Amino acid sequence: MLPPLEDVDGNDDHQVLIKAIDDAVERYPHFMMYDNSTRTLIFKPENQFNEGRLFYFTIIVKEQNSDSVKKPYYCSVKVLPPKFQKNDPKSAPTFTG
């Protein structure tokens, strides 16, 4: 979750932008979403081929009407495989094609 957004001057709204890092080998995951109401990043990898990959991106929090008042957060996310419970058929992996 991102920290609370506040404008000390009280004269502008904030924007949250997600940007790819151009030099990164694994850029911005296409299965990442941002929920503006909860300020939460959501990751929903759709297949097992994303497991073990490390993605890099930047979250930029800026004032809507300014290009100079902004704060970048440099991020990396590693997609881990799901955890399964031993001898529990309900937790067994299922893949669809």
C-alpha atoms as a PDB file:
ATOM      1  CA  MET A   1       0.000   0.000   0.000  1.00  0.00           C
ATOM      2  CA  LEU A   2       1.268   3.453  -0.843  1.00  0.00           C
ATOM      3  CA  PRO A   3       1.609   6.043   1.888  1.00  0.00           C
ATOM      4  CA  PRO A   4      -1.225   8.561   2.319  1.00  0.00           C
ATOM      5  CA  LEU A   5      -1.180  11.338  -0.256  1.00  0.00           C
ATOM      6  CA  GLU A   6      -1.328  14.855   1.067  1.00  0.00           C
ATOM      7  CA  ASP A   7      -0.715  18.296  -0.349  1.00  0.00           C
ATOM      8  CA  VAL A   8       0.712  20.572   2.348  1.00  0.00           C
ATOM      9  CA  ASP A   9      -0.478  23.657   0.440  1.00  0.00           C
ATOM     10  CA  GLY A  10      -3.941  22.170  -0.128  1.00  0.00           C
ATOM     11  CA  ASN A  11      -4.103  23.499  -3.677  1.00  0.00           C
ATOM     12  CA  ASP A  12      -3.822  20.419  -5.894  1.00  0.00           C
ATOM     13  CA  ASP A  13      -4.872  16.783  -6.321  1.00  0.00           C
ATOM     14  CA  HIS A  14      -2.424  13.906  -6.601  1.00  0.00           C
ATOM     15  CA  GLN A  15      -1.855  11.473  -9.432  1.00  0.00           C
ATOM     16  CA  VAL A  16      -0.270   8.042  -9.190  1.00  0.00           C
ATOM     17  CA  LEU A  17       1.565   6.885 -12.297  1.00  0.00           C
ATOM     18  CA  ILE A  18       3.198   3.508 -12.948  1.00  0.00           C
ATOM     19  CA  LYS A  19       6.121   3.700 -15.348  1.00  0.00           C
ATOM     20  CA  ALA A  20       8.426   1.118 -16.863  1.00  0.00           C
ATOM     21  CA  ILE A  21      12.146   1.470 -16.212  1.00  0.00           C
ATOM     22  CA  ASP A  22      13.613   1.621 -19.705  1.00  0.00           C
ATOM     23  CA  ASP A  23      16.947  -0.065 -18.874  1.00  0.00           C
ATOM     24  CA  ALA A  24      15.424  -2.956 -16.920  1.00  0.00           C
ATOM     25  CA  VAL A  25      15.660  -6.460 -18.340  1.00  0.00           C
ATOM     26  CA  GLU A  26      12.204  -7.382 -17.014  1.00  0.00           C
ATOM     27  CA  ARG A  27      10.082  -4.265 -17.239  1.00  0.00           C
ATOM     28  CA  TYR A  28       6.715  -3.446 -15.662  1.00  0.00           C
ATOM     29  CA  PRO A  29       4.588  -6.615 -15.450  1.00  0.00           C
ATOM     30  CA  HIS A  30       1.517  -6.511 -17.687  1.00  0.00           C
ATOM     31  CA  PHE A  31      -0.508  -8.329 -15.001  1.00  0.00           C
ATOM     32  CA  MET A  32      -0.066  -5.525 -12.451  1.00  0.00           C
ATOM     33  CA  MET A  33      -2.974  -3.225 -11.576  1.00  0.00           C
ATOM     34  CA  TYR A  34      -3.364  -0.264  -9.269  1.00  0.00           C
ATOM     35  CA  ASP A  35      -6.525   0.201  -7.173  1.00  0.00           C
ATOM     36  CA  ASN A  36      -6.857   3.939  -6.672  1.00  0.00           C
ATOM     37  CA  SER A  37      -9.473   3.672  -3.901  1.00  0.00           C
ATOM     38  CA  THR A  38      -7.229   1.559  -1.631  1.00  0.00           C
ATOM     39  CA  ARG A  39      -3.845   2.786  -2.977  1.00  0.00           C
ATOM     40  CA  THR A  40      -2.886  -0.865  -3.490  1.00  0.00           C
ATOM     41  CA  LEU A  41      -0.905  -2.618  -6.214  1.00  0.00           C
ATOM     42  CA  ILE A  42      -2.452  -5.903  -7.329  1.00  0.00           C
ATOM     43  CA  PHE A  43      -0.514  -8.637  -9.101  1.00  0.00           C
ATOM     44  CA  LYS A  44      -2.363 -11.436 -10.905  1.00  0.00           C
ATOM     45  CA  PRO A  45       0.109 -13.552 -12.897  1.00  0.00           C
ATOM     46  CA  GLU A  46      -1.878 -15.597 -15.357  1.00  0.00           C
ATOM     47  CA  ASN A  47       0.443 -18.561 -15.872  1.00  0.00           C
ATOM     48  CA  GLN A  48       3.382 -20.481 -14.426  1.00  0.00           C
ATOM     49  CA  PHE A  49       5.846 -18.921 -16.894  1.00  0.00           C
ATOM     50  CA  ASN A  50       5.992 -15.751 -14.758  1.00  0.00           C
ATOM     51  CA  GLU A  51       7.275 -17.656 -11.708  1.00  0.00           C
ATOM     52  CA  GLY A  52      10.761 -16.679 -10.641  1.00  0.00           C
ATOM     53  CA  ARG A  53      10.840 -13.540 -12.795  1.00  0.00           C
ATOM     54  CA  LEU A  54      11.891 -10.210 -11.275  1.00  0.00           C
ATOM     55  CA  PHE A  55      10.115  -7.105 -12.591  1.00  0.00           C
ATOM     56  CA  TYR A  56      11.236  -3.473 -12.208  1.00  0.00           C
ATOM     57  CA  PHE A  57       9.066  -0.361 -12.397  1.00  0.00           C
ATOM     58  CA  THR A  58       8.619   3.107 -10.907  1.00  0.00           C
ATOM     59  CA  ILE A  59       5.620   4.474  -9.032  1.00  0.00           C
ATOM     60  CA  ILE A  60       5.446   8.246  -9.376  1.00  0.00           C
ATOM     61  CA  VAL A  61       3.242  10.258  -7.018  1.00  0.00           C
ATOM     62  CA  LYS A  62       2.860  13.786  -8.352  1.00  0.00           C
ATOM     63  CA  GLU A  63       0.678  16.827  -8.075  1.00  0.00           C
ATOM     64  CA  GLN A  64      -1.819  16.752 -10.930  1.00  0.00           C
ATOM     65  CA  ASN A  65      -1.094  20.276 -12.188  1.00  0.00           C
ATOM     66  CA  SER A  66       2.677  20.252 -11.713  1.00  0.00           C
ATOM     67  CA  ASP A  67       5.538  18.486 -13.446  1.00  0.00           C
ATOM     68  CA  SER A  68       8.085  19.477 -10.814  1.00  0.00           C
ATOM     69  CA  VAL A  69       6.352  18.353  -7.592  1.00  0.00           C
ATOM     70  CA  LYS A  70       6.690  14.563  -7.662  1.00  0.00           C
ATOM     71  CA  LYS A  71       8.147  11.671  -5.695  1.00  0.00           C
ATOM     72  CA  PRO A  72       9.409   8.510  -7.469  1.00  0.00           C
ATOM     73  CA  TYR A  73       9.422   5.097  -5.780  1.00  0.00           C
ATOM     74  CA  TYR A  74      11.689   2.577  -7.522  1.00  0.00           C
ATOM     75  CA  CYS A  75      10.265  -0.926  -7.157  1.00  0.00           C
ATOM     76  CA  SER A  76      11.066  -4.522  -7.925  1.00  0.00           C
ATOM     77  CA  VAL A  77       8.749  -7.499  -7.563  1.00  0.00           C
ATOM     78  CA  LYS A  78       9.679 -11.167  -7.780  1.00  0.00           C
ATOM     79  CA  VAL A  79       6.873 -13.545  -8.722  1.00  0.00           C
ATOM     80  CA  LEU A  80       7.047 -16.588  -6.478  1.00  0.00           C
ATOM     81  CA  PRO A  81       5.335 -19.912  -7.167  1.00  0.00           C
ATOM     82  CA  PRO A  82       2.170 -20.619  -5.197  1.00  0.00           C
ATOM     83  CA  LYS A  83       2.525 -22.498  -1.917  1.00  0.00           C
ATOM     84  CA  PHE A  84       0.889 -25.903  -1.743  1.00  0.00           C
ATOM     85  CA  GLN A  85      -0.056 -27.922   1.300  1.00  0.00           C
ATOM     86  CA  LYS A  86       1.323 -31.445   1.291  1.00  0.00           C
ATOM     87  CA  ASN A  87      -1.407 -34.085   0.804  1.00  0.00           C
ATOM     88  CA  ASP A  88      -4.120 -31.455   0.198  1.00  0.00           C
ATOM     89  CA  PRO A  89      -5.784 -31.943  -3.203  1.00  0.00           C
ATOM     90  CA  LYS A  90      -7.513 -28.538  -2.910  1.00  0.00           C
ATOM     91  CA  SER A  91      -4.170 -26.744  -3.039  1.00  0.00           C
ATOM     92  CA  ALA A  92      -2.859 -28.687  -6.038  1.00  0.00           C
ATOM     93  CA  PRO A  93      -1.965 -26.485  -9.021  1.00  0.00           C
ATOM     94  CA  THR A  94      -4.377 -26.252 -11.924  1.00  0.00           C
ATOM     95  CA  PHE A  95      -3.386 -24.853 -15.291  1.00  0.00           C
ATOM     96  CA  THR A  96      -5.685 -23.902 -18.102  1.00  0.00           C
ATOM     97  CA  GLY A  97      -4.669 -23.531 -21.684  1.00  0.00           C
END
